[in-house]
């Protein structure tokens, strides 16, 4: 099925460039691997190189930074395709602590001032999940 018909709800609320990145990669992955989970994972992996999840949508990485957003994306290979390593769920775990702190402020993450960088990543994942669930319920 074409990517524009399978576009996840978080991407419907995201910039056109993010939507186009996901759709183009998804469609190429469907041609290569067939329709299904692997095509979706491939599309999200591509998206995460230029975008990060913020609340219920995706935003371009700060300063136009590009690259893998977490250790799974950085490793690539068979493990990345099988999803056997933990991901940061769209949070750019490779961003600076200051950037993560700014996102935590925007999402009103409680206790952020005393969190370590890994704790901020996990807290942002939870905040993003909450915002996405709320948007889906309201939408």
C-alpha atoms as a PDB file:
ATOM      1  CA  UNK A   1       0.000   0.000   0.000  1.00  0.00           C
ATOM      2  CA  UNK A   2       1.372   3.454  -0.863  1.00  0.00           C
ATOM      3  CA  UNK A   3       2.904   5.394   2.007  1.00  0.00           C
ATOM      4  CA  UNK A   4       0.510   8.317   1.644  1.00  0.00           C
ATOM      5  CA  UNK A   5      -2.338   5.945   2.522  1.00  0.00           C
ATOM      6  CA  UNK A   6      -0.471   4.523   5.536  1.00  0.00           C
ATOM      7  CA  UNK A   7       0.895   7.790   6.912  1.00  0.00           C
ATOM      8  CA  UNK A   8       0.940   7.590  10.740  1.00  0.00           C
ATOM      9  CA  UNK A   9      -1.175  10.145  12.599  1.00  0.00           C
ATOM     10  CA  UNK A  10       1.895  11.830  14.109  1.00  0.00           C
ATOM     11  CA  UNK A  11       3.048  12.632  10.584  1.00  0.00           C
ATOM     12  CA  UNK A  12      -0.329  14.088   9.632  1.00  0.00           C
ATOM     13  CA  UNK A  13       0.446  16.767  12.244  1.00  0.00           C
ATOM     14  CA  UNK A  14       4.019  17.257  10.999  1.00  0.00           C
ATOM     15  CA  UNK A  15       5.675  19.395   8.308  1.00  0.00           C
ATOM     16  CA  UNK A  16       5.255  18.377   4.673  1.00  0.00           C
ATOM     17  CA  UNK A  17       8.982  17.607   4.409  1.00  0.00           C
ATOM     18  CA  UNK A  18       8.670  15.017   7.202  1.00  0.00           C
ATOM     19  CA  UNK A  19       5.659  13.480   5.484  1.00  0.00           C
ATOM     20  CA  UNK A  20       7.477  13.321   2.150  1.00  0.00           C
ATOM     21  CA  UNK A  21      10.559  11.732   3.759  1.00  0.00           C
ATOM     22  CA  UNK A  22       8.468   8.998   5.371  1.00  0.00           C
ATOM     23  CA  UNK A  23       6.357   8.339   2.261  1.00  0.00           C
ATOM     24  CA  UNK A  24       9.316   8.191  -0.136  1.00  0.00           C
ATOM     25  CA  UNK A  25      11.268   5.825   2.107  1.00  0.00           C
ATOM     26  CA  UNK A  26       8.220   3.693   2.891  1.00  0.00           C
ATOM     27  CA  UNK A  27       7.368   3.241  -0.776  1.00  0.00           C
ATOM     28  CA  UNK A  28      10.955   2.283  -1.642  1.00  0.00           C
ATOM     29  CA  UNK A  29      11.037  -0.170   1.278  1.00  0.00           C
ATOM     30  CA  UNK A  30       7.757  -1.754   0.145  1.00  0.00           C
ATOM     31  CA  UNK A  31       9.305  -2.350  -3.275  1.00  0.00           C
ATOM     32  CA  UNK A  32      12.392  -3.885  -1.649  1.00  0.00           C
ATOM     33  CA  UNK A  33      10.922  -5.838   1.287  1.00  0.00           C
ATOM     34  CA  UNK A  34       7.177  -5.946   0.714  1.00  0.00           C
ATOM     35  CA  UNK A  35       4.411  -4.217   2.650  1.00  0.00           C
ATOM     36  CA  UNK A  36       4.421  -4.473   6.426  1.00  0.00           C
ATOM     37  CA  UNK A  37       6.359  -3.796   9.583  1.00  0.00           C
ATOM     38  CA  UNK A  38       9.804  -3.788   7.967  1.00  0.00           C
ATOM     39  CA  UNK A  39       8.766  -1.053   5.512  1.00  0.00           C
ATOM     40  CA  UNK A  40       7.387   1.030   8.404  1.00  0.00           C
ATOM     41  CA  UNK A  41      10.569   0.583  10.491  1.00  0.00           C
ATOM     42  CA  UNK A  42      12.702   1.557   7.507  1.00  0.00           C
ATOM     43  CA  UNK A  43      10.612   4.686   6.906  1.00  0.00           C
ATOM     44  CA  UNK A  44      10.843   5.735  10.559  1.00  0.00           C
ATOM     45  CA  UNK A  45      14.603   5.097  10.606  1.00  0.00           C
ATOM     46  CA  UNK A  46      15.001   7.431   7.631  1.00  0.00           C
ATOM     47  CA  UNK A  47      12.734  10.044   9.209  1.00  0.00           C
ATOM     48  CA  UNK A  48      14.728   9.996  12.456  1.00  0.00           C
ATOM     49  CA  UNK A  49      17.896  11.080  10.637  1.00  0.00           C
ATOM     50  CA  UNK A  50      16.455  14.559  10.015  1.00  0.00           C
ATOM     51  CA  UNK A  51      13.484  14.833  12.369  1.00  0.00           C
ATOM     52  CA  UNK A  52      12.703  14.220  16.026  1.00  0.00           C
ATOM     53  CA  UNK A  53       9.393  13.552  17.725  1.00  0.00           C
ATOM     54  CA  UNK A  54       8.169  16.426  19.873  1.00  0.00           C
ATOM     55  CA  UNK A  55       4.864  15.797  21.586  1.00  0.00           C
ATOM     56  CA  UNK A  56       2.336  14.601  19.015  1.00  0.00           C
ATOM     57  CA  UNK A  57       4.303  15.467  15.851  1.00  0.00           C
ATOM     58  CA  UNK A  58       7.749  15.478  14.211  1.00  0.00           C
ATOM     59  CA  UNK A  59       9.997  18.546  13.930  1.00  0.00           C
ATOM     60  CA  UNK A  60      13.201  19.077  11.991  1.00  0.00           C
ATOM     61  CA  UNK A  61      16.241  18.497  14.198  1.00  0.00           C
ATOM     62  CA  UNK A  62      17.704  21.645  15.728  1.00  0.00           C
ATOM     63  CA  UNK A  63      20.076  23.509  13.462  1.00  0.00           C
ATOM     64  CA  UNK A  64      19.347  21.128  10.607  1.00  0.00           C
ATOM     65  CA  UNK A  65      21.479  18.473  12.329  1.00  0.00           C
ATOM     66  CA  UNK A  66      21.300  15.109  10.608  1.00  0.00           C
ATOM     67  CA  UNK A  67      22.230  11.654  11.715  1.00  0.00           C
ATOM     68  CA  UNK A  68      21.005   8.719  13.771  1.00  0.00           C
ATOM     69  CA  UNK A  69      18.816   9.572  16.737  1.00  0.00           C
ATOM     70  CA  UNK A  70      19.731   6.634  18.968  1.00  0.00           C
ATOM     71  CA  UNK A  71      22.067   3.647  19.225  1.00  0.00           C
ATOM     72  CA  UNK A  72      19.784   1.384  17.186  1.00  0.00           C
ATOM     73  CA  UNK A  73      19.701   3.825  14.289  1.00  0.00           C
ATOM     74  CA  UNK A  74      23.476   4.278  14.514  1.00  0.00           C
ATOM     75  CA  UNK A  75      24.176   0.517  14.388  1.00  0.00           C
ATOM     76  CA  UNK A  76      22.084  -0.316  11.333  1.00  0.00           C
ATOM     77  CA  UNK A  77      22.435  -3.839   9.985  1.00  0.00           C
ATOM     78  CA  UNK A  78      20.331  -6.888  10.744  1.00  0.00           C
ATOM     79  CA  UNK A  79      19.583  -5.971  14.357  1.00  0.00           C
ATOM     80  CA  UNK A  80      18.117  -2.620  13.309  1.00  0.00           C
ATOM     81  CA  UNK A  81      15.923  -4.308  10.729  1.00  0.00           C
ATOM     82  CA  UNK A  82      14.668  -6.868  13.221  1.00  0.00           C
ATOM     83  CA  UNK A  83      14.072  -4.252  15.914  1.00  0.00           C
ATOM     84  CA  UNK A  84      15.967  -6.251  18.538  1.00  0.00           C
ATOM     85  CA  UNK A  85      17.567  -3.185  20.159  1.00  0.00           C
ATOM     86  CA  UNK A  86      15.728  -0.528  22.122  1.00  0.00           C
ATOM     87  CA  UNK A  87      15.037   2.760  20.353  1.00  0.00           C
ATOM     88  CA  UNK A  88      14.448   6.215  21.805  1.00  0.00           C
ATOM     89  CA  UNK A  89      11.002   6.393  20.193  1.00  0.00           C
ATOM     90  CA  UNK A  90      11.764   9.413  18.041  1.00  0.00           C
ATOM     91  CA  UNK A  91      13.584  11.358  20.768  1.00  0.00           C
ATOM     92  CA  UNK A  92      17.001  12.441  19.505  1.00  0.00           C
ATOM     93  CA  UNK A  93      19.050  10.736  22.218  1.00  0.00           C
ATOM     94  CA  UNK A  94      22.215  12.041  20.547  1.00  0.00           C
ATOM     95  CA  UNK A  95      21.162  15.679  21.015  1.00  0.00           C
ATOM     96  CA  UNK A  96      22.772  17.805  23.694  1.00  0.00           C
ATOM     97  CA  UNK A  97      21.404  17.741  27.206  1.00  0.00           C
ATOM     98  CA  UNK A  98      20.564  21.445  26.811  1.00  0.00           C
ATOM     99  CA  UNK A  99      18.406  20.654  23.770  1.00  0.00           C
ATOM    100  CA  UNK A 100      16.657  17.810  25.569  1.00  0.00           C
ATOM    101  CA  UNK A 101      16.076  20.111  28.553  1.00  0.00           C
ATOM    102  CA  UNK A 102      14.473  22.709  26.248  1.00  0.00           C
ATOM    103  CA  UNK A 103      12.124  20.065  24.820  1.00  0.00           C
ATOM    104  CA  UNK A 104      11.312  18.919  28.370  1.00  0.00           C
ATOM    105  CA  UNK A 105      10.418  22.538  29.239  1.00  0.00           C
ATOM    106  CA  UNK A 106       8.178  22.793  26.158  1.00  0.00           C
ATOM    107  CA  UNK A 107       6.419  19.560  27.109  1.00  0.00           C
ATOM    108  CA  UNK A 108       6.283  20.524  30.805  1.00  0.00           C
ATOM    109  CA  UNK A 109       8.091  17.391  31.998  1.00  0.00           C
ATOM    110  CA  UNK A 110       8.049  17.432  35.816  1.00  0.00           C
ATOM    111  CA  UNK A 111      11.374  17.021  37.641  1.00  0.00           C
ATOM    112  CA  UNK A 112      13.413  17.782  34.516  1.00  0.00           C
ATOM    113  CA  UNK A 113      15.913  20.041  36.283  1.00  0.00           C
ATOM    114  CA  UNK A 114      17.396  17.134  38.253  1.00  0.00           C
ATOM    115  CA  UNK A 115      17.339  14.515  35.475  1.00  0.00           C
ATOM    116  CA  UNK A 116      20.360  12.992  33.795  1.00  0.00           C
ATOM    117  CA  UNK A 117      20.468  12.885  30.004  1.00  0.00           C
ATOM    118  CA  UNK A 118      19.220   9.256  29.818  1.00  0.00           C
ATOM    119  CA  UNK A 119      16.408  10.132  32.252  1.00  0.00           C
ATOM    120  CA  UNK A 120      15.441  13.108  30.068  1.00  0.00           C
ATOM    121  CA  UNK A 121      15.277  10.855  27.000  1.00  0.00           C
ATOM    122  CA  UNK A 122      12.952   8.411  28.778  1.00  0.00           C
ATOM    123  CA  UNK A 123      10.815  11.247  30.213  1.00  0.00           C
ATOM    124  CA  UNK A 124      10.508  12.809  26.758  1.00  0.00           C
ATOM    125  CA  UNK A 125       9.451   9.455  25.306  1.00  0.00           C
ATOM    126  CA  UNK A 126       6.677   9.229  27.916  1.00  0.00           C
ATOM    127  CA  UNK A 127       5.623  12.847  27.303  1.00  0.00           C
ATOM    128  CA  UNK A 128       5.537  12.245  23.539  1.00  0.00           C
ATOM    129  CA  UNK A 129       3.450   9.108  24.027  1.00  0.00           C
ATOM    130  CA  UNK A 130       0.980  11.020  26.220  1.00  0.00           C
ATOM    131  CA  UNK A 131       0.688  13.878  23.720  1.00  0.00           C
ATOM    132  CA  UNK A 132       0.193  11.460  20.819  1.00  0.00           C
ATOM    133  CA  UNK A 133      -2.493   9.504  22.690  1.00  0.00           C
ATOM    134  CA  UNK A 134      -4.265  12.751  23.578  1.00  0.00           C
ATOM    135  CA  UNK A 135      -4.131  14.004  19.971  1.00  0.00           C
ATOM    136  CA  UNK A 136      -5.519  10.711  18.683  1.00  0.00           C
ATOM    137  CA  UNK A 137      -8.325  10.814  21.231  1.00  0.00           C
ATOM    138  CA  UNK A 138      -9.169  14.458  20.449  1.00  0.00           C
ATOM    139  CA  UNK A 139      -8.759  14.055  16.695  1.00  0.00           C
END
